[in-house]
Each structure stands twice: as C-alpha cells, then as structure tokens.
Amino acid sequence: MPATVEVELFGLPRLYAGAERYEVPAGTLAEVLAALAEALPGLSPAIICDGRPTELVRVALDGRAMIEAPDHRLHGGEVLVLVSAQAGG
C-alpha cells in the first residue's frame, strides 16, 4: 500500500473543496498539492495553482511549521493543513 499524506482543510480551502480532509500519495509538496487539486477540482485555481498554494492559503506540516518550498518532501503519515491566509491574523 503506498504511503499517504492526510490533508486537512480549513476556511476557504474547505469551502472550495467541499471536504474537511482528504488523503493523497506522499511526495513533494508540489506533487501532493497537484494530486489534491486533481481529486478536489474546486481547489483549482483559486487555492492551488500549478501545484502551488495561492496567496489565499498557508500550508502547515503536522501543525508545527509553515512550509512553502515546492520540493519539500512529505512522508507517509504526515498531516498537511491548508488554512486561509487571513486565519489567526
């Protein structure tokens, strides 16, 4: 069974996706976001565009650190959180 990353969606990402969470294959941040946008087409292009988060969202890894680098490698079992950029503002 391939390793997966769980993605939790809050605020605008949840609204556009129509889902609270989704699992995608592990890979780079760009690969994970591209797979997420393919599975949940409401996310593209406002939330995810060309495998990158737009200015409307921020991406956190395991609730510990914000990440942006498209080549950041995500491993199975990790949780990616997409939140509205203005959340917690």
Protein backbone atom coordinates (compact mmCIF):
# COMPACT_ATOMS: atom_id res chain seq x y z
CA MET A 1 0.00 0.00 0.00
CA PRO A 2 1.52 3.38 -0.98
CA ALA A 3 2.36 5.91 1.70
CA THR A 4 -0.20 8.68 2.02
CA VAL A 5 -0.39 12.18 3.44
CA GLU A 6 -3.58 13.33 5.13
CA VAL A 7 -4.62 16.85 4.16
CA GLU A 8 -6.91 18.81 6.49
CA LEU A 9 -8.74 21.81 5.05
CA PHE A 10 -9.97 24.85 6.98
CA GLY A 11 -11.60 28.14 6.00
CA LEU A 12 -11.54 28.93 2.27
CA PRO A 13 -9.81 25.68 1.30
CA ARG A 14 -12.62 23.69 2.95
CA LEU A 15 -15.27 25.87 1.32
CA TYR A 16 -13.77 25.50 -2.17
CA ALA A 17 -13.01 21.77 -1.77
CA GLY A 18 -16.32 20.78 -0.23
CA ALA A 19 -14.36 18.46 2.08
CA GLU A 20 -12.77 18.59 5.54
CA ARG A 21 -9.93 16.17 4.80
CA TYR A 22 -8.51 14.04 2.04
CA GLU A 23 -5.65 11.56 1.61
CA VAL A 24 -3.20 11.72 -1.28
CA PRO A 25 0.01 9.85 -2.10
CA ALA A 26 3.14 11.13 -0.34
CA GLY A 27 5.64 13.09 -2.42
CA THR A 28 6.89 16.64 -2.72
CA LEU A 29 4.65 19.50 -1.64
CA ALA A 30 4.04 20.32 -5.31
CA GLU A 31 3.08 16.70 -6.08
CA VAL A 32 0.79 16.45 -3.06
CA LEU A 33 -0.95 19.74 -3.86
CA ALA A 34 -1.34 18.80 -7.54
CA ALA A 35 -2.89 15.46 -6.56
CA LEU A 36 -5.20 17.23 -4.13
CA ALA A 37 -6.32 19.74 -6.78
CA GLU A 38 -6.96 16.88 -9.20
CA ALA A 39 -9.04 14.98 -6.64
CA LEU A 40 -10.90 18.08 -5.42
CA PRO A 41 -11.25 20.27 -8.54
CA GLY A 42 -12.92 23.12 -6.62
CA LEU A 43 -9.47 23.98 -5.22
CA SER A 44 -8.06 24.96 -8.61
CA PRO A 45 -7.10 27.66 -9.48
CA ALA A 46 -8.14 29.83 -6.50
CA ILE A 47 -6.50 27.75 -3.75
CA ILE A 48 -3.95 25.61 -5.62
CA CYS A 49 -2.48 26.67 -8.95
CA ASP A 50 0.14 24.58 -10.79
CA GLY A 51 0.96 22.56 -7.65
CA ARG A 52 1.49 25.65 -5.50
CA PRO A 53 -0.67 27.29 -2.87
CA THR A 54 -2.03 30.69 -3.90
CA GLU A 55 -1.81 33.84 -1.78
CA LEU A 56 -5.19 32.92 -0.24
CA VAL A 57 -3.78 30.00 1.76
CA ARG A 58 -0.97 28.89 4.03
CA VAL A 59 0.31 25.34 4.40
CA ALA A 60 1.36 23.84 7.74
CA LEU A 61 3.06 20.49 8.32
CA ASP A 62 1.83 18.47 11.31
CA GLY A 63 0.64 21.72 12.93
CA ARG A 64 4.27 22.63 13.71
CA ALA A 65 5.73 24.60 10.83
CA MET A 66 4.56 26.52 7.79
CA ILE A 67 6.07 25.21 4.56
CA GLU A 68 6.29 26.76 1.10
CA ALA A 69 9.09 25.06 -0.82
CA PRO A 70 7.55 23.03 -3.68
CA ASP A 71 10.33 20.43 -3.38
CA HIS A 72 9.75 19.85 0.37
CA ARG A 73 9.35 16.06 0.68
CA LEU A 74 6.30 14.81 2.57
CA HIS A 75 6.34 11.31 4.03
CA GLY A 76 3.58 8.84 4.72
CA GLY A 77 1.69 9.52 7.92
CA GLU A 78 2.34 13.26 7.93
CA VAL A 79 -0.55 15.72 8.06
CA LEU A 80 -0.68 18.77 5.84
CA VAL A 81 -3.02 21.56 6.91
CA LEU A 82 -4.36 24.14 4.45
CA VAL A 83 -5.79 27.27 6.10
CA SER A 84 -6.98 30.64 4.88
CA ALA A 85 -4.14 33.14 4.81
CA GLN A 86 -6.05 35.60 7.00
CA ALA A 87 -6.83 32.95 9.67
CA GLY A 88 -5.33 33.81 13.02
CA GLY A 89 -4.38 37.10 11.59
